[in-house]
């Protein structure tokens, strides 16, 4: 494999990594509200870590979603959570 092939492979890996990171940052609705669709294995603390770089801010997400969540330990795949700023 040539040096150029190696560089191309590294570039492809970096682009995939960036695309995946952007994909995991949630969606922004037309009203400017940030949302996140819960995936299997997610926890509020993991989602807080992803959005705020601080897992302890999970209650901020819980408080913003009390209309669909009754317990911060019980979230389900497919739920669409509002992620406050």
PDB file of N, CA and C in Angstrom:
ATOM      1  N   UNK A   1       0.842  -1.168   0.000  1.00  0.00           N
ATOM      2  CA  UNK A   1       0.000   0.000   0.000  1.00  0.00           C
ATOM      3  C   UNK A   1       0.897   1.245   0.000  1.00  0.00           C
ATOM      4  N   UNK A   2       0.565   2.190  -0.830  1.00  0.00           N
ATOM      5  CA  UNK A   2       1.381   3.394  -0.943  1.00  0.00           C
ATOM      6  C   UNK A   2       1.066   4.382   0.171  1.00  0.00           C
ATOM      7  N   UNK A   3       1.924   5.364   0.301  1.00  0.00           N
ATOM      8  CA  UNK A   3       1.725   6.417   1.296  1.00  0.00           C
ATOM      9  C   UNK A   3       0.431   7.170   1.005  1.00  0.00           C
ATOM     10  N   UNK A   4       0.147   7.419  -0.262  1.00  0.00           N
ATOM     11  CA  UNK A   4      -1.084   8.132  -0.617  1.00  0.00           C
ATOM     12  C   UNK A   4      -2.321   7.323  -0.223  1.00  0.00           C
ATOM     13  N   UNK A   5      -2.268   6.005  -0.401  1.00  0.00           N
ATOM     14  CA  UNK A   5      -3.383   5.156   0.015  1.00  0.00           C
ATOM     15  C   UNK A   5      -3.579   5.235   1.528  1.00  0.00           C
ATOM     16  N   UNK A   6      -2.466   5.224   2.260  1.00  0.00           N
ATOM     17  CA  UNK A   6      -2.553   5.335   3.720  1.00  0.00           C
ATOM     18  C   UNK A   6      -3.171   6.670   4.141  1.00  0.00           C
ATOM     19  N   UNK A   7      -2.758   7.737   3.480  1.00  0.00           N
ATOM     20  CA  UNK A   7      -3.298   9.060   3.787  1.00  0.00           C
ATOM     21  C   UNK A   7      -4.795   9.100   3.482  1.00  0.00           C
ATOM     22  N   UNK A   8      -5.201   8.525   2.371  1.00  0.00           N
ATOM     23  CA  UNK A   8      -6.616   8.485   2.003  1.00  0.00           C
ATOM     24  C   UNK A   8      -7.409   7.708   3.053  1.00  0.00           C
ATOM     25  N   UNK A   9      -6.895   6.572   3.498  1.00  0.00           N
ATOM     26  CA  UNK A   9      -7.593   5.773   4.509  1.00  0.00           C
ATOM     27  C   UNK A   9      -7.736   6.536   5.815  1.00  0.00           C
ATOM     28  N   UNK A  10      -6.681   7.233   6.215  1.00  0.00           N
ATOM     29  CA  UNK A  10      -6.736   8.035   7.438  1.00  0.00           C
ATOM     30  C   UNK A  10      -7.775   9.142   7.291  1.00  0.00           C
ATOM     31  N   UNK A  11      -7.785   9.794   6.146  1.00  0.00           N
ATOM     32  CA  UNK A  11      -8.760  10.853   5.878  1.00  0.00           C
ATOM     33  C   UNK A  11     -10.183  10.324   5.914  1.00  0.00           C
ATOM     34  N   UNK A  12     -10.408   9.155   5.318  1.00  0.00           N
ATOM     35  CA  UNK A  12     -11.741   8.542   5.331  1.00  0.00           C
ATOM     36  C   UNK A  12     -12.180   8.232   6.762  1.00  0.00           C
ATOM     37  N   UNK A  13     -11.261   7.724   7.579  1.00  0.00           N
ATOM     38  CA  UNK A  13     -11.578   7.409   8.974  1.00  0.00           C
ATOM     39  C   UNK A  13     -11.919   8.678   9.753  1.00  0.00           C
ATOM     40  N   UNK A  14     -11.174   9.746   9.521  1.00  0.00           N
ATOM     41  CA  UNK A  14     -11.446  11.011  10.201  1.00  0.00           C
ATOM     42  C   UNK A  14     -12.813  11.570   9.808  1.00  0.00           C
ATOM     43  N   UNK A  15     -13.130  11.525   8.518  1.00  0.00           N
ATOM     44  CA  UNK A  15     -14.426  12.021   8.059  1.00  0.00           C
ATOM     45  C   UNK A  15     -15.558  11.215   8.672  1.00  0.00           C
ATOM     46  N   UNK A  16     -15.394   9.890   8.734  1.00  0.00           N
ATOM     47  CA  UNK A  16     -16.421   9.038   9.334  1.00  0.00           C
ATOM     48  C   UNK A  16     -16.593   9.387  10.806  1.00  0.00           C
ATOM     49  N   UNK A  17     -15.497   9.624  11.495  1.00  0.00           N
ATOM     50  CA  UNK A  17     -15.545   9.969  12.915  1.00  0.00           C
ATOM     51  C   UNK A  17     -16.269  11.295  13.120  1.00  0.00           C
ATOM     52  N   UNK A  18     -15.979  12.285  12.308  1.00  0.00           N
ATOM     53  CA  UNK A  18     -16.628  13.590  12.406  1.00  0.00           C
ATOM     54  C   UNK A  18     -18.110  13.453  12.099  1.00  0.00           C
ATOM     55  N   UNK A  19     -18.460  12.722  11.042  1.00  0.00           N
ATOM     56  CA  UNK A  19     -19.862  12.517  10.692  1.00  0.00           C
ATOM     57  C   UNK A  19     -20.612  11.847  11.829  1.00  0.00           C
ATOM     58  N   UNK A  20     -20.020  10.855  12.453  1.00  0.00           N
ATOM     59  CA  UNK A  20     -20.668  10.146  13.555  1.00  0.00           C
ATOM     60  C   UNK A  20     -20.865  11.076  14.740  1.00  0.00           C
ATOM     61  N   UNK A  21     -19.878  11.910  15.038  1.00  0.00           N
ATOM     62  CA  UNK A  21     -19.986  12.853  16.151  1.00  0.00           C
ATOM     63  C   UNK A  21     -21.103  13.856  15.901  1.00  0.00           C
ATOM     64  N   UNK A  22     -21.200  14.370  14.713  1.00  0.00           N
ATOM     65  CA  UNK A  22     -22.255  15.326  14.377  1.00  0.00           C
ATOM     66  C   UNK A  22     -23.610  14.638  14.469  1.00  0.00           C
ATOM     67  N   UNK A  23     -23.698  13.416  13.984  1.00  0.00           N
ATOM     68  CA  UNK A  23     -24.942  12.662  14.019  1.00  0.00           C
ATOM     69  C   UNK A  23     -25.419  12.447  15.444  1.00  0.00           C
ATOM     70  N   UNK A  24     -24.516  12.241  16.386  1.00  0.00           N
ATOM     71  CA  UNK A  24     -24.860  11.965  17.771  1.00  0.00           C
ATOM     72  C   UNK A  24     -25.184  13.211  18.580  1.00  0.00           C
ATOM     73  N   UNK A  25     -25.042  14.371  18.020  1.00  0.00           N
ATOM     74  CA  UNK A  25     -25.295  15.599  18.768  1.00  0.00           C
ATOM     75  C   UNK A  25     -26.772  15.990  18.773  1.00  0.00           C
ATOM     76  N   UNK A  26     -27.643  15.202  18.184  1.00  0.00           N
ATOM     77  CA  UNK A  26     -29.067  15.472  18.221  1.00  0.00           C
ATOM     78  C   UNK A  26     -29.513  16.329  17.054  1.00  0.00           C
ATOM     79  N   UNK A  27     -30.798  16.645  17.082  1.00  0.00           N
ATOM     80  CA  UNK A  27     -31.410  17.415  16.014  1.00  0.00           C
ATOM     81  C   UNK A  27     -31.895  18.747  16.560  1.00  0.00           C
ATOM     82  N   UNK A  28     -32.035  19.707  15.662  1.00  0.00           N
ATOM     83  CA  UNK A  28     -32.604  20.993  16.031  1.00  0.00           C
ATOM     84  C   UNK A  28     -33.858  21.171  15.205  1.00  0.00           C
ATOM     85  N   UNK A  29     -34.998  21.372  15.882  1.00  0.00           N
ATOM     86  CA  UNK A  29     -36.270  21.515  15.178  1.00  0.00           C
ATOM     87  C   UNK A  29     -36.346  22.884  14.510  1.00  0.00           C
ATOM     88  N   UNK A  30     -37.407  23.075  13.748  1.00  0.00           N
ATOM     89  CA  UNK A  30     -37.615  24.350  13.064  1.00  0.00           C
ATOM     90  C   UNK A  30     -37.753  25.488  14.072  1.00  0.00           C
ATOM     91  N   UNK A  31     -38.222  25.174  15.271  1.00  0.00           N
ATOM     92  CA  UNK A  31     -38.389  26.196  16.303  1.00  0.00           C
ATOM     93  C   UNK A  31     -37.097  26.448  17.062  1.00  0.00           C
ATOM     94  N   UNK A  32     -36.013  25.764  16.680  1.00  0.00           N
ATOM     95  CA  UNK A  32     -34.732  25.954  17.336  1.00  0.00           C
ATOM     96  C   UNK A  32     -34.566  25.128  18.595  1.00  0.00           C
ATOM     97  N   UNK A  33     -35.463  24.168  18.816  1.00  0.00           N
ATOM     98  CA  UNK A  33     -35.386  23.319  19.997  1.00  0.00           C
ATOM     99  C   UNK A  33     -34.520  22.107  19.663  1.00  0.00           C
ATOM    100  N   UNK A  34     -33.549  21.827  20.518  1.00  0.00           N
ATOM    101  CA  UNK A  34     -32.634  20.704  20.327  1.00  0.00           C
ATOM    102  C   UNK A  34     -33.288  19.442  20.894  1.00  0.00           C
ATOM    103  N   UNK A  35     -33.266  18.364  20.111  1.00  0.00           N
ATOM    104  CA  UNK A  35     -33.856  17.107  20.560  1.00  0.00           C
ATOM    105  C   UNK A  35     -32.868  15.965  20.380  1.00  0.00           C
ATOM    106  N   UNK A  36     -33.144  14.863  21.080  1.00  0.00           N
ATOM    107  CA  UNK A  36     -32.331  13.661  20.964  1.00  0.00           C
ATOM    108  C   UNK A  36     -33.263  12.459  21.053  1.00  0.00           C
ATOM    109  N   UNK A  37     -33.116  11.515  20.130  1.00  0.00           N
ATOM    110  CA  UNK A  37     -33.899  10.287  20.160  1.00  0.00           C
ATOM    111  C   UNK A  37     -33.112   9.228  20.918  1.00  0.00           C
ATOM    112  N   UNK A  38     -33.705   8.719  21.982  1.00  0.00           N
ATOM    113  CA  UNK A  38     -33.056   7.731  22.841  1.00  0.00           C
ATOM    114  C   UNK A  38     -32.798   6.440  22.067  1.00  0.00           C
ATOM    115  N   UNK A  39     -31.593   5.921  22.242  1.00  0.00           N
ATOM    116  CA  UNK A  39     -31.198   4.650  21.632  1.00  0.00           C
ATOM    117  C   UNK A  39     -31.027   3.607  22.728  1.00  0.00           C
ATOM    118  N   UNK A  40     -31.072   2.345  22.353  1.00  0.00           N
ATOM    119  CA  UNK A  40     -30.891   1.259  23.306  1.00  0.00           C
ATOM    120  C   UNK A  40     -29.569   1.429  24.052  1.00  0.00           C
ATOM    121  N   UNK A  41     -29.603   1.301  25.358  1.00  0.00           N
ATOM    122  CA  UNK A  41     -28.400   1.432  26.176  1.00  0.00           C
ATOM    123  C   UNK A  41     -28.122   2.833  26.674  1.00  0.00           C
ATOM    124  N   UNK A  42     -28.863   3.831  26.178  1.00  0.00           N
ATOM    125  CA  UNK A  42     -28.662   5.213  26.624  1.00  0.00           C
ATOM    126  C   UNK A  42     -29.094   5.393  28.077  1.00  0.00           C
ATOM    127  N   UNK A  43     -28.456   6.336  28.740  1.00  0.00           N
ATOM    128  CA  UNK A  43     -28.873   6.813  30.059  1.00  0.00           C
ATOM    129  C   UNK A  43     -28.891   8.332  29.995  1.00  0.00           C
ATOM    130  N   UNK A  44     -29.627   8.940  30.895  1.00  0.00           N
ATOM    131  CA  UNK A  44     -29.641  10.404  30.901  1.00  0.00           C
ATOM    132  C   UNK A  44     -28.261  10.966  31.192  1.00  0.00           C
ATOM    133  N   UNK A  45     -27.508  10.292  32.056  1.00  0.00           N
ATOM    134  CA  UNK A  45     -26.166  10.803  32.351  1.00  0.00           C
ATOM    135  C   UNK A  45     -25.257  10.701  31.130  1.00  0.00           C
ATOM    136  N   UNK A  46     -25.383   9.645  30.347  1.00  0.00           N
ATOM    137  CA  UNK A  46     -24.575   9.515  29.128  1.00  0.00           C
ATOM    138  C   UNK A  46     -24.973  10.579  28.099  1.00  0.00           C
ATOM    139  N   UNK A  47     -26.265  10.855  28.016  1.00  0.00           N
ATOM    140  CA  UNK A  47     -26.740  11.891  27.091  1.00  0.00           C
ATOM    141  C   UNK A  47     -26.242  13.258  27.564  1.00  0.00           C
ATOM    142  N   UNK A  48     -26.287  13.494  28.878  1.00  0.00           N
ATOM    143  CA  UNK A  48     -25.779  14.759  29.427  1.00  0.00           C
ATOM    144  C   UNK A  48     -24.289  14.906  29.142  1.00  0.00           C
ATOM    145  N   UNK A  49     -23.546  13.837  29.277  1.00  0.00           N
ATOM    146  CA  UNK A  49     -22.107  13.857  28.982  1.00  0.00           C
ATOM    147  C   UNK A  49     -21.881  14.250  27.519  1.00  0.00           C
ATOM    148  N   UNK A  50     -22.709  13.702  26.643  1.00  0.00           N
ATOM    149  CA  UNK A  50     -22.588  13.970  25.203  1.00  0.00           C
ATOM    150  C   UNK A  50     -22.875  15.430  24.869  1.00  0.00           C
ATOM    151  N   UNK A  51     -23.919  15.998  25.483  1.00  0.00           N
ATOM    152  CA  UNK A  51     -24.320  17.361  25.139  1.00  0.00           C
ATOM    153  C   UNK A  51     -23.628  18.431  25.966  1.00  0.00           C
ATOM    154  N   UNK A  52     -23.350  18.139  27.236  1.00  0.00           N
ATOM    155  CA  UNK A  52     -22.803  19.152  28.138  1.00  0.00           C
ATOM    156  C   UNK A  52     -21.382  18.836  28.610  1.00  0.00           C
ATOM    157  N   UNK A  53     -20.842  17.704  28.194  1.00  0.00           N
ATOM    158  CA  UNK A  53     -19.536  17.246  28.682  1.00  0.00           C
ATOM    159  C   UNK A  53     -19.525  17.129  30.203  1.00  0.00           C
ATOM    160  N   UNK A  54     -20.697  16.827  30.770  1.00  0.00           N
ATOM    161  CA  UNK A  54     -20.827  16.705  32.219  1.00  0.00           C
ATOM    162  C   UNK A  54     -22.019  15.792  32.530  1.00  0.00           C
ATOM    163  N   UNK A  55     -21.730  14.547  32.891  1.00  0.00           N
ATOM    164  CA  UNK A  55     -22.779  13.559  33.152  1.00  0.00           C
ATOM    165  C   UNK A  55     -23.685  13.971  34.301  1.00  0.00           C
ATOM    166  N   UNK A  56     -23.162  14.768  35.229  1.00  0.00           N
ATOM    167  CA  UNK A  56     -23.965  15.154  36.393  1.00  0.00           C
ATOM    168  C   UNK A  56     -25.103  16.113  36.035  1.00  0.00           C
ATOM    169  N   UNK A  57     -25.143  16.617  34.819  1.00  0.00           N
ATOM    170  CA  UNK A  57     -26.215  17.528  34.394  1.00  0.00           C
ATOM    171  C   UNK A  57     -27.428  16.781  33.845  1.00  0.00           C
ATOM    172  N   UNK A  58     -27.517  15.471  34.142  1.00  0.00           N
ATOM    173  CA  UNK A  58     -28.631  14.672  33.632  1.00  0.00           C
ATOM    174  C   UNK A  58     -29.987  15.185  34.126  1.00  0.00           C
ATOM    175  N   UNK A  59     -30.029  15.790  35.310  1.00  0.00           N
ATOM    176  CA  UNK A  59     -31.302  16.296  35.840  1.00  0.00           C
ATOM    177  C   UNK A  59     -31.829  17.474  35.015  1.00  0.00           C
ATOM    178  N   UNK A  60     -30.943  18.196  34.375  1.00  0.00           N
ATOM    179  CA  UNK A  60     -31.362  19.298  33.488  1.00  0.00           C
ATOM    180  C   UNK A  60     -32.218  18.730  32.350  1.00  0.00           C
ATOM    181  N   UNK A  61     -31.795  17.594  31.811  1.00  0.00           N
ATOM    182  CA  UNK A  61     -32.558  16.938  30.739  1.00  0.00           C
ATOM    183  C   UNK A  61     -33.850  16.362  31.311  1.00  0.00           C
ATOM    184  N   UNK A  62     -33.755  15.726  32.480  1.00  0.00           N
ATOM    185  CA  UNK A  62     -34.951  15.157  33.109  1.00  0.00           C
ATOM    186  C   UNK A  62     -36.004  16.235  33.352  1.00  0.00           C
ATOM    187  N   UNK A  63     -35.606  17.357  33.940  1.00  0.00           N
ATOM    188  CA  UNK A  63     -36.546  18.442  34.245  1.00  0.00           C
ATOM    189  C   UNK A  63     -37.230  18.963  32.975  1.00  0.00           C
ATOM    190  N   UNK A  64     -36.499  19.017  31.878  1.00  0.00           N
ATOM    191  CA  UNK A  64     -37.057  19.518  30.619  1.00  0.00           C
ATOM    192  C   UNK A  64     -38.007  18.519  29.967  1.00  0.00           C
ATOM    193  N   UNK A  65     -37.997  17.282  30.457  1.00  0.00           N
ATOM    194  CA  UNK A  65     -38.804  16.229  29.837  1.00  0.00           C
ATOM    195  C   UNK A  65     -39.757  15.545  30.803  1.00  0.00           C
ATOM    196  N   UNK A  66     -40.115  16.219  31.880  1.00  0.00           N
ATOM    197  CA  UNK A  66     -41.017  15.631  32.871  1.00  0.00           C
ATOM    198  C   UNK A  66     -42.379  15.277  32.279  1.00  0.00           C
ATOM    199  N   UNK A  67     -42.721  15.895  31.168  1.00  0.00           N
ATOM    200  CA  UNK A  67     -43.998  15.574  30.523  1.00  0.00           C
ATOM    201  C   UNK A  67     -44.005  14.155  29.947  1.00  0.00           C
ATOM    202  N   UNK A  68     -42.823  13.567  29.691  1.00  0.00           N
ATOM    203  CA  UNK A  68     -42.779  12.196  29.160  1.00  0.00           C
ATOM    204  C   UNK A  68     -41.988  11.240  30.049  1.00  0.00           C
ATOM    205  N   UNK A  69     -41.280  11.781  31.044  1.00  0.00           N
ATOM    206  CA  UNK A  69     -40.478  10.946  31.934  1.00  0.00           C
ATOM    207  C   UNK A  69     -41.003  11.063  33.364  1.00  0.00           C
ATOM    208  N   UNK A  70     -41.116   9.918  34.029  1.00  0.00           N
ATOM    209  CA  UNK A  70     -41.540   9.952  35.433  1.00  0.00           C
ATOM    210  C   UNK A  70     -40.376   9.663  36.375  1.00  0.00           C
ATOM    211  N   UNK A  71     -39.286   9.134  35.821  1.00  0.00           N
ATOM    212  CA  UNK A  71     -38.134   8.746  36.621  1.00  0.00           C
ATOM    213  C   UNK A  71     -36.883   8.908  35.752  1.00  0.00           C
ATOM    214  N   UNK A  72     -35.847   9.561  36.238  1.00  0.00           N
ATOM    215  CA  UNK A  72     -34.654   9.759  35.409  1.00  0.00           C
ATOM    216  C   UNK A  72     -33.928   8.451  35.060  1.00  0.00           C
ATOM    217  N   UNK A  73     -34.242   7.380  35.783  1.00  0.00           N
ATOM    218  CA  UNK A  73     -33.605   6.086  35.497  1.00  0.00           C
ATOM    219  C   UNK A  73     -34.375   5.263  34.475  1.00  0.00           C
ATOM    220  N   UNK A  74     -35.548   5.743  34.066  1.00  0.00           N
ATOM    221  CA  UNK A  74     -36.372   4.986  33.126  1.00  0.00           C
ATOM    222  C   UNK A  74     -36.602   5.764  31.840  1.00  0.00           C
ATOM    223  N   UNK A  75     -35.715   5.557  30.892  1.00  0.00           N
ATOM    224  CA  UNK A  75     -35.918   6.113  29.557  1.00  0.00           C
ATOM    225  C   UNK A  75     -35.973   4.939  28.598  1.00  0.00           C
ATOM    226  N   UNK A  76     -36.635   5.137  27.472  1.00  0.00           N
ATOM    227  CA  UNK A  76     -36.829   4.024  26.541  1.00  0.00           C
ATOM    228  C   UNK A  76     -36.392   4.419  25.133  1.00  0.00           C
ATOM    229  N   UNK A  77     -35.843   3.456  24.401  1.00  0.00           N
ATOM    230  CA  UNK A  77     -35.464   3.723  23.009  1.00  0.00           C
ATOM    231  C   UNK A  77     -36.679   4.268  22.229  1.00  0.00           C
ATOM    232  N   UNK A  78     -36.401   5.263  21.418  1.00  0.00           N
ATOM    233  CA  UNK A  78     -37.453   5.869  20.598  1.00  0.00           C
ATOM    234  C   UNK A  78     -38.022   7.135  21.196  1.00  0.00           C
ATOM    235  N   UNK A  79     -37.861   7.343  22.506  1.00  0.00           N
ATOM    236  CA  UNK A  79     -38.346   8.581  23.101  1.00  0.00           C
ATOM    237  C   UNK A  79     -37.540   9.741  22.531  1.00  0.00           C
ATOM    238  N   UNK A  80     -38.234  10.837  22.248  1.00  0.00           N
ATOM    239  CA  UNK A  80     -37.568  12.038  21.751  1.00  0.00           C
ATOM    240  C   UNK A  80     -37.504  13.029  22.898  1.00  0.00           C
ATOM    241  N   UNK A  81     -36.290  13.305  23.341  1.00  0.00           N
ATOM    242  CA  UNK A  81     -36.067  14.183  24.477  1.00  0.00           C
ATOM    243  C   UNK A  81     -35.700  15.587  24.012  1.00  0.00           C
ATOM    244  N   UNK A  82     -36.205  16.573  24.720  1.00  0.00           N
ATOM    245  CA  UNK A  82     -35.782  17.959  24.521  1.00  0.00           C
ATOM    246  C   UNK A  82     -34.483  18.135  25.291  1.00  0.00           C
ATOM    247  N   UNK A  83     -33.489  18.727  24.639  1.00  0.00           N
ATOM    248  CA  UNK A  83     -32.196  18.974  25.266  1.00  0.00           C
ATOM    249  C   UNK A  83     -32.044  20.490  25.444  1.00  0.00           C
ATOM    250  N   UNK A  84     -32.235  20.949  26.686  1.00  0.00           N
ATOM    251  CA  UNK A  84     -32.109  22.407  26.906  1.00  0.00           C
ATOM    252  C   UNK A  84     -30.672  22.882  26.733  1.00  0.00           C
ATOM    253  N   UNK A  85     -30.528  24.160  26.428  1.00  0.00           N
ATOM    254  CA  UNK A  85     -29.182  24.757  26.295  1.00  0.00           C
ATOM    255  C   UNK A  85     -28.476  24.785  27.619  1.00  0.00           C
TER     256      UNK A  85
END
